[in-house]
Amino acid sequence: MSEERFVDPTRESFALFKSLPRDTPIHMLNLLDFRDQAAYPADHMHAQRGLTGAEAYREYGRASAPVLSRVGGSVLWRGRMEAMVIGPQDKHWDAAFIAAYPNAAAFLAMVTDPEYKLAVVHRQAAVLTSRLIRFAPLETGSGSFA
């Protein structure tokens, strides 16, 4: 049995996101599992290029970066998974990163931006499944995990 796919937010999860405070900084943890081959709509200009999922995601990053910057967002951290230490051993993430936004309104401005809406088709073609988790940043540096 294959895993359920998570590529775009559901109506319910996006409503929950919008119900949370919009005027405080947020961090968004992104976990990504790419398709072997990107799956563009048949009428998309990249449909016949034979891109891998990772290549299509790079197209998404290139096309969405100006919008991320325009709304005041940035990538705080990126990493490549090496091993699942705690969790299902059959789960692998091809990429992970944390994006920071000055507030939730900035994230909402990004995802509704016309330039971003053109870019997101690359993400949808690239991703087999993903997780996008909103966090409220907390103070760090105390030497304590809690």
N, C-alpha and C. Protein backbone atom coordinates (compact mmCIF):
# COMPACT_ATOMS: atom_id res chain seq x y z
N MET A 1 0.84 -1.17 0.00
CA MET A 1 0.00 0.00 0.00
C MET A 1 0.88 1.24 0.00
N SER A 2 0.63 2.17 -0.90
CA SER A 2 1.47 3.36 -0.99
C SER A 2 1.03 4.42 0.02
N GLU A 3 1.97 5.25 0.36
CA GLU A 3 1.73 6.33 1.31
C GLU A 3 0.80 7.38 0.68
N GLU A 4 -0.03 7.97 1.51
CA GLU A 4 -0.87 9.07 1.05
C GLU A 4 0.03 10.23 0.65
N ARG A 5 -0.34 10.92 -0.42
CA ARG A 5 0.45 12.04 -0.92
C ARG A 5 -0.03 13.33 -0.29
N PHE A 6 0.94 14.18 0.05
CA PHE A 6 0.67 15.51 0.58
C PHE A 6 1.50 16.49 -0.23
N VAL A 7 0.85 17.24 -1.12
CA VAL A 7 1.56 18.18 -1.97
C VAL A 7 1.09 19.61 -1.71
N ASP A 8 -0.21 19.80 -1.62
CA ASP A 8 -0.80 21.11 -1.36
C ASP A 8 -1.60 21.06 -0.07
N PRO A 9 -1.77 22.22 0.59
CA PRO A 9 -2.57 22.20 1.83
C PRO A 9 -4.03 21.88 1.53
N THR A 10 -4.67 21.22 2.48
CA THR A 10 -6.11 21.02 2.36
C THR A 10 -6.81 22.32 2.75
N ARG A 11 -8.05 22.44 2.41
CA ARG A 11 -8.83 23.62 2.79
C ARG A 11 -8.84 23.78 4.31
N GLU A 12 -8.96 22.66 5.03
CA GLU A 12 -9.01 22.71 6.49
C GLU A 12 -7.67 23.13 7.09
N SER A 13 -6.57 22.57 6.58
CA SER A 13 -5.28 22.93 7.15
C SER A 13 -4.91 24.38 6.83
N PHE A 14 -5.30 24.87 5.67
CA PHE A 14 -5.02 26.27 5.34
C PHE A 14 -5.90 27.21 6.18
N ALA A 15 -7.12 26.80 6.46
CA ALA A 15 -7.99 27.60 7.34
C ALA A 15 -7.39 27.67 8.74
N LEU A 16 -6.84 26.56 9.23
CA LEU A 16 -6.18 26.57 10.53
C LEU A 16 -4.99 27.53 10.52
N PHE A 17 -4.16 27.46 9.47
CA PHE A 17 -3.03 28.36 9.33
C PHE A 17 -3.50 29.82 9.43
N LYS A 18 -4.56 30.15 8.68
CA LYS A 18 -5.04 31.53 8.64
C LYS A 18 -5.69 31.96 9.96
N SER A 19 -6.12 31.01 10.78
CA SER A 19 -6.74 31.36 12.06
C SER A 19 -5.72 31.70 13.14
N LEU A 20 -4.46 31.34 12.90
CA LEU A 20 -3.39 31.63 13.86
C LEU A 20 -2.95 33.08 13.71
N PRO A 21 -2.23 33.61 14.70
CA PRO A 21 -1.80 35.01 14.62
C PRO A 21 -1.04 35.30 13.32
N ARG A 22 -1.34 36.45 12.72
CA ARG A 22 -0.72 36.82 11.45
C ARG A 22 0.39 37.85 11.61
N ASP A 23 0.58 38.39 12.82
CA ASP A 23 1.52 39.49 13.00
C ASP A 23 2.77 39.10 13.79
N THR A 24 3.04 37.81 13.89
CA THR A 24 4.23 37.35 14.60
C THR A 24 5.11 36.56 13.63
N PRO A 25 6.43 36.55 13.88
CA PRO A 25 7.33 35.78 13.00
C PRO A 25 6.95 34.30 12.98
N ILE A 26 7.18 33.68 11.83
CA ILE A 26 6.94 32.24 11.73
C ILE A 26 8.11 31.58 11.00
N HIS A 27 8.33 30.31 11.31
CA HIS A 27 9.27 29.46 10.60
C HIS A 27 8.48 28.30 10.02
N MET A 28 8.79 27.96 8.78
CA MET A 28 8.09 26.88 8.11
C MET A 28 9.10 25.77 7.77
N LEU A 29 8.91 24.61 8.43
CA LEU A 29 9.74 23.44 8.16
C LEU A 29 9.19 22.74 6.94
N ASN A 30 10.03 22.53 5.94
CA ASN A 30 9.67 21.86 4.69
C ASN A 30 10.42 20.55 4.59
N LEU A 31 9.70 19.44 4.45
CA LEU A 31 10.29 18.12 4.20
C LEU A 31 9.77 17.66 2.85
N LEU A 32 10.67 17.27 1.95
CA LEU A 32 10.30 17.02 0.57
C LEU A 32 10.79 15.67 0.07
N ASP A 33 9.90 14.94 -0.56
CA ASP A 33 10.22 13.68 -1.23
C ASP A 33 9.87 13.91 -2.71
N PHE A 34 10.88 13.87 -3.58
CA PHE A 34 10.67 14.19 -4.98
C PHE A 34 10.24 12.97 -5.79
N ARG A 35 9.51 13.24 -6.85
CA ARG A 35 9.19 12.21 -7.84
C ARG A 35 10.48 11.85 -8.59
N ASP A 36 10.55 10.65 -9.11
CA ASP A 36 11.68 10.30 -9.97
C ASP A 36 11.65 11.19 -11.22
N GLN A 37 10.47 11.31 -11.83
CA GLN A 37 10.28 12.16 -12.99
C GLN A 37 9.20 13.19 -12.67
N ALA A 38 9.46 14.45 -13.00
CA ALA A 38 8.47 15.51 -12.76
C ALA A 38 7.20 15.20 -13.54
N ALA A 39 6.07 15.58 -12.97
CA ALA A 39 4.76 15.32 -13.60
C ALA A 39 4.05 16.64 -13.85
N TYR A 40 4.43 17.30 -14.94
CA TYR A 40 3.79 18.56 -15.33
C TYR A 40 2.48 18.29 -16.04
N PRO A 41 1.55 19.23 -15.99
CA PRO A 41 0.35 19.11 -16.83
C PRO A 41 0.78 19.03 -18.30
N ALA A 42 0.04 18.30 -19.10
CA ALA A 42 0.43 18.05 -20.49
C ALA A 42 0.63 19.33 -21.29
N ASP A 43 -0.10 20.38 -20.95
CA ASP A 43 0.00 21.62 -21.72
C ASP A 43 1.05 22.60 -21.17
N HIS A 44 1.82 22.19 -20.16
CA HIS A 44 2.83 23.07 -19.58
C HIS A 44 4.09 23.03 -20.44
N MET A 45 4.78 24.18 -20.55
CA MET A 45 5.96 24.27 -21.42
C MET A 45 7.09 23.34 -21.01
N HIS A 46 7.13 22.89 -19.75
CA HIS A 46 8.17 21.97 -19.30
C HIS A 46 7.76 20.50 -19.41
N ALA A 47 6.55 20.22 -19.85
CA ALA A 47 6.01 18.86 -19.83
C ALA A 47 6.88 17.88 -20.62
N GLN A 48 7.44 18.30 -21.72
CA GLN A 48 8.21 17.39 -22.57
C GLN A 48 9.71 17.42 -22.31
N ARG A 49 10.14 18.17 -21.30
CA ARG A 49 11.58 18.30 -21.06
C ARG A 49 12.18 17.11 -20.32
N GLY A 50 11.36 16.27 -19.73
CA GLY A 50 11.86 15.09 -19.04
C GLY A 50 12.66 15.41 -17.79
N LEU A 51 12.25 16.43 -17.06
CA LEU A 51 12.95 16.81 -15.83
C LEU A 51 12.71 15.79 -14.72
N THR A 52 13.70 15.61 -13.88
CA THR A 52 13.50 14.83 -12.66
C THR A 52 12.72 15.70 -11.67
N GLY A 53 12.24 15.09 -10.61
CA GLY A 53 11.57 15.86 -9.57
C GLY A 53 12.51 16.88 -8.95
N ALA A 54 13.76 16.48 -8.71
CA ALA A 54 14.74 17.41 -8.12
C ALA A 54 15.00 18.60 -9.04
N GLU A 55 15.09 18.35 -10.34
CA GLU A 55 15.31 19.44 -11.30
C GLU A 55 14.11 20.37 -11.34
N ALA A 56 12.91 19.82 -11.32
CA ALA A 56 11.70 20.65 -11.32
C ALA A 56 11.63 21.48 -10.03
N TYR A 57 12.07 20.92 -8.91
CA TYR A 57 12.05 21.68 -7.66
C TYR A 57 13.06 22.82 -7.72
N ARG A 58 14.20 22.61 -8.37
CA ARG A 58 15.15 23.71 -8.55
C ARG A 58 14.53 24.82 -9.38
N GLU A 59 13.73 24.46 -10.38
CA GLU A 59 13.01 25.47 -11.17
C GLU A 59 12.05 26.26 -10.27
N TYR A 60 11.38 25.55 -9.38
CA TYR A 60 10.48 26.20 -8.41
C TYR A 60 11.28 27.18 -7.54
N GLY A 61 12.41 26.74 -7.03
CA GLY A 61 13.23 27.60 -6.19
C GLY A 61 13.69 28.84 -6.92
N ARG A 62 14.15 28.67 -8.16
CA ARG A 62 14.60 29.79 -8.97
C ARG A 62 13.46 30.78 -9.23
N ALA A 63 12.29 30.25 -9.56
CA ALA A 63 11.16 31.11 -9.92
C ALA A 63 10.49 31.76 -8.70
N SER A 64 10.54 31.11 -7.54
CA SER A 64 9.86 31.65 -6.36
C SER A 64 10.77 32.50 -5.48
N ALA A 65 12.09 32.40 -5.64
CA ALA A 65 13.02 33.15 -4.79
C ALA A 65 12.78 34.65 -4.78
N PRO A 66 12.50 35.29 -5.92
CA PRO A 66 12.25 36.74 -5.87
C PRO A 66 11.01 37.09 -5.04
N VAL A 67 10.01 36.24 -5.07
CA VAL A 67 8.79 36.50 -4.29
C VAL A 67 9.08 36.32 -2.81
N LEU A 68 9.80 35.25 -2.45
CA LEU A 68 10.19 35.03 -1.06
C LEU A 68 10.93 36.25 -0.53
N SER A 69 11.88 36.73 -1.29
CA SER A 69 12.65 37.90 -0.88
C SER A 69 11.77 39.15 -0.76
N ARG A 70 10.90 39.33 -1.72
CA ARG A 70 10.02 40.52 -1.75
C ARG A 70 9.13 40.60 -0.51
N VAL A 71 8.68 39.46 0.01
CA VAL A 71 7.81 39.49 1.19
C VAL A 71 8.61 39.51 2.50
N GLY A 72 9.95 39.51 2.39
CA GLY A 72 10.79 39.57 3.58
C GLY A 72 11.17 38.21 4.13
N GLY A 73 10.93 37.15 3.36
CA GLY A 73 11.27 35.81 3.81
C GLY A 73 12.69 35.43 3.44
N SER A 74 13.18 34.37 4.07
CA SER A 74 14.52 33.86 3.77
C SER A 74 14.60 32.39 4.18
N VAL A 75 15.58 31.71 3.64
CA VAL A 75 15.83 30.32 4.05
C VAL A 75 16.87 30.37 5.16
N LEU A 76 16.48 29.90 6.35
CA LEU A 76 17.37 29.90 7.52
C LEU A 76 18.34 28.74 7.50
N TRP A 77 17.87 27.59 7.01
CA TRP A 77 18.64 26.36 7.10
C TRP A 77 18.20 25.43 5.98
N ARG A 78 19.16 24.71 5.39
CA ARG A 78 18.88 23.65 4.42
C ARG A 78 19.72 22.45 4.80
N GLY A 79 19.21 21.26 4.52
CA GLY A 79 19.99 20.08 4.84
C GLY A 79 19.62 18.91 3.95
N ARG A 80 20.53 17.94 3.92
CA ARG A 80 20.33 16.69 3.18
C ARG A 80 20.23 15.57 4.20
N MET A 81 19.17 14.81 4.15
CA MET A 81 18.97 13.71 5.09
C MET A 81 20.03 12.64 4.87
N GLU A 82 20.59 12.18 6.00
CA GLU A 82 21.58 11.11 5.94
C GLU A 82 21.06 9.82 6.56
N ALA A 83 20.27 9.91 7.62
CA ALA A 83 19.76 8.70 8.27
C ALA A 83 18.55 9.04 9.11
N MET A 84 17.59 8.13 9.18
CA MET A 84 16.44 8.24 10.07
C MET A 84 16.88 7.64 11.40
N VAL A 85 17.08 8.46 12.40
CA VAL A 85 17.53 8.00 13.71
C VAL A 85 16.34 7.57 14.56
N ILE A 86 15.28 8.36 14.54
CA ILE A 86 14.02 8.00 15.20
C ILE A 86 12.92 8.21 14.17
N GLY A 87 12.16 7.18 13.92
CA GLY A 87 11.09 7.29 12.94
C GLY A 87 11.09 6.11 12.01
N PRO A 88 10.14 6.08 11.09
CA PRO A 88 10.01 4.94 10.17
C PRO A 88 11.25 4.82 9.28
N GLN A 89 11.86 3.66 9.29
CA GLN A 89 13.09 3.44 8.53
C GLN A 89 12.87 3.44 7.02
N ASP A 90 11.63 3.31 6.59
CA ASP A 90 11.36 3.32 5.15
C ASP A 90 11.05 4.72 4.63
N LYS A 91 11.13 5.74 5.47
CA LYS A 91 10.83 7.11 5.03
C LYS A 91 12.12 7.86 4.80
N HIS A 92 12.22 8.48 3.63
CA HIS A 92 13.39 9.27 3.27
C HIS A 92 12.91 10.61 2.72
N TRP A 93 13.58 11.68 3.14
CA TRP A 93 13.29 13.01 2.60
C TRP A 93 14.45 13.42 1.71
N ASP A 94 14.15 13.82 0.49
CA ASP A 94 15.19 14.23 -0.45
C ASP A 94 15.77 15.60 -0.10
N ALA A 95 14.97 16.45 0.51
CA ALA A 95 15.43 17.79 0.88
C ALA A 95 14.64 18.26 2.09
N ALA A 96 15.28 19.12 2.86
CA ALA A 96 14.63 19.73 4.02
C ALA A 96 15.17 21.15 4.17
N PHE A 97 14.30 22.05 4.55
CA PHE A 97 14.75 23.41 4.83
C PHE A 97 13.76 24.10 5.74
N ILE A 98 14.23 25.18 6.36
CA ILE A 98 13.38 26.02 7.19
C ILE A 98 13.38 27.41 6.57
N ALA A 99 12.19 27.89 6.22
CA ALA A 99 12.02 29.25 5.71
C ALA A 99 11.47 30.12 6.83
N ALA A 100 12.01 31.32 6.93
CA ALA A 100 11.56 32.28 7.95
C ALA A 100 10.79 33.40 7.26
N TYR A 101 9.73 33.81 7.91
CA TYR A 101 8.91 34.93 7.42
C TYR A 101 8.74 35.92 8.55
N PRO A 102 8.71 37.21 8.24
CA PRO A 102 8.55 38.21 9.30
C PRO A 102 7.22 38.05 10.03
N ASN A 103 6.23 37.48 9.33
CA ASN A 103 4.93 37.21 9.92
C ASN A 103 4.14 36.32 8.96
N ALA A 104 3.03 35.80 9.45
CA ALA A 104 2.21 34.91 8.63
C ALA A 104 1.60 35.65 7.46
N ALA A 105 1.35 36.94 7.62
CA ALA A 105 0.81 37.73 6.52
C ALA A 105 1.76 37.73 5.33
N ALA A 106 3.07 37.72 5.60
CA ALA A 106 4.05 37.68 4.52
C ALA A 106 3.97 36.35 3.77
N PHE A 107 3.81 35.25 4.50
CA PHE A 107 3.65 33.95 3.84
C PHE A 107 2.39 33.96 2.98
N LEU A 108 1.30 34.47 3.51
CA LEU A 108 0.05 34.54 2.75
C LEU A 108 0.21 35.43 1.51
N ALA A 109 0.95 36.53 1.65
CA ALA A 109 1.20 37.39 0.49
C ALA A 109 2.00 36.64 -0.57
N MET A 110 2.95 35.82 -0.13
CA MET A 110 3.75 35.06 -1.08
C MET A 110 2.88 34.07 -1.86
N VAL A 111 2.10 33.26 -1.15
CA VAL A 111 1.36 32.20 -1.84
C VAL A 111 0.21 32.72 -2.69
N THR A 112 -0.16 33.98 -2.51
CA THR A 112 -1.21 34.56 -3.35
C THR A 112 -0.65 35.48 -4.43
N ASP A 113 0.66 35.66 -4.46
CA ASP A 113 1.32 36.50 -5.45
C ASP A 113 1.21 35.86 -6.84
N PRO A 114 0.85 36.62 -7.88
CA PRO A 114 0.71 36.04 -9.23
C PRO A 114 1.99 35.39 -9.74
N GLU A 115 3.15 35.95 -9.43
CA GLU A 115 4.42 35.37 -9.86
C GLU A 115 4.64 34.02 -9.16
N TYR A 116 4.29 33.95 -7.88
CA TYR A 116 4.42 32.70 -7.13
C TYR A 116 3.47 31.64 -7.70
N LYS A 117 2.26 32.04 -8.03
CA LYS A 117 1.29 31.09 -8.58
C LYS A 117 1.80 30.45 -9.87
N LEU A 118 2.58 31.18 -10.64
CA LEU A 118 3.20 30.60 -11.84
C LEU A 118 4.33 29.64 -11.46
N ALA A 119 5.06 29.97 -10.40
CA ALA A 119 6.19 29.15 -9.96
C ALA A 119 5.75 27.84 -9.33
N VAL A 120 4.61 27.85 -8.62
CA VAL A 120 4.22 26.68 -7.83
C VAL A 120 3.92 25.45 -8.68
N VAL A 121 3.66 25.63 -9.97
CA VAL A 121 3.44 24.47 -10.83
C VAL A 121 4.68 23.57 -10.86
N HIS A 122 5.87 24.18 -10.73
CA HIS A 122 7.10 23.39 -10.68
C HIS A 122 7.14 22.54 -9.40
N ARG A 123 6.71 23.14 -8.28
CA ARG A 123 6.67 22.40 -7.01
C ARG A 123 5.70 21.23 -7.12
N GLN A 124 4.53 21.49 -7.67
CA GLN A 124 3.52 20.44 -7.80
C GLN A 124 3.99 19.32 -8.71
N ALA A 125 4.75 19.65 -9.74
CA ALA A 125 5.28 18.63 -10.66
C ALA A 125 6.41 17.84 -10.01
N ALA A 126 7.15 18.48 -9.12
CA ALA A 126 8.35 17.89 -8.53
C ALA A 126 8.08 16.94 -7.37
N VAL A 127 7.08 17.28 -6.54
CA VAL A 127 6.93 16.66 -5.23
C VAL A 127 6.02 15.44 -5.27
N LEU A 128 6.55 14.33 -4.76
CA LEU A 128 5.73 13.13 -4.57
C LEU A 128 4.91 13.29 -3.30
N THR A 129 5.57 13.67 -2.22
CA THR A 129 4.88 13.97 -0.97
C THR A 129 5.76 14.93 -0.17
N SER A 130 5.13 15.64 0.76
CA SER A 130 5.88 16.62 1.54
C SER A 130 5.19 16.86 2.86
N ARG A 131 5.89 17.58 3.71
CA ARG A 131 5.30 18.09 4.94
C ARG A 131 5.69 19.55 5.03
N LEU A 132 4.77 20.39 5.43
CA LEU A 132 5.01 21.81 5.66
C LEU A 132 4.42 22.12 7.02
N ILE A 133 5.30 22.46 7.96
CA ILE A 133 4.88 22.61 9.36
C ILE A 133 5.23 24.01 9.84
N ARG A 134 4.22 24.71 10.33
CA ARG A 134 4.42 26.07 10.84
C ARG A 134 4.88 26.00 12.29
N PHE A 135 5.91 26.81 12.60
CA PHE A 135 6.42 26.93 13.95
C PHE A 135 6.48 28.39 14.36
N ALA A 136 6.27 28.64 15.64
CA ALA A 136 6.55 29.94 16.24
C ALA A 136 7.98 29.86 16.74
N PRO A 137 8.89 30.72 16.25
CA PRO A 137 10.27 30.64 16.73
C PRO A 137 10.38 30.98 18.21
N LEU A 138 11.24 30.26 18.88
CA LEU A 138 11.53 30.48 20.30
C LEU A 138 12.99 30.89 20.45
N GLU A 139 13.32 31.44 21.60
CA GLU A 139 14.70 31.83 21.87
C GLU A 139 15.59 30.60 21.86
N THR A 140 16.82 30.77 21.39
CA THR A 140 17.79 29.68 21.37
C THR A 140 19.06 30.13 22.09
N GLY A 141 19.98 29.21 22.23
CA GLY A 141 21.28 29.53 22.78
C GLY A 141 21.43 29.29 24.26
N SER A 142 20.41 28.79 24.93
CA SER A 142 20.50 28.58 26.38
C SER A 142 21.14 27.24 26.72
N GLY A 143 21.38 26.40 25.73
CA GLY A 143 21.93 25.08 26.00
C GLY A 143 20.87 24.07 26.39
N SER A 144 19.61 24.46 26.34
CA SER A 144 18.51 23.58 26.72
C SER A 144 17.63 23.32 25.51
N PHE A 145 17.14 22.08 25.39
CA PHE A 145 16.23 21.74 24.30
C PHE A 145 14.81 22.18 24.58
N ALA A 146 14.48 22.39 25.84
CA ALA A 146 13.09 22.69 26.19
C ALA A 146 12.91 24.13 26.58
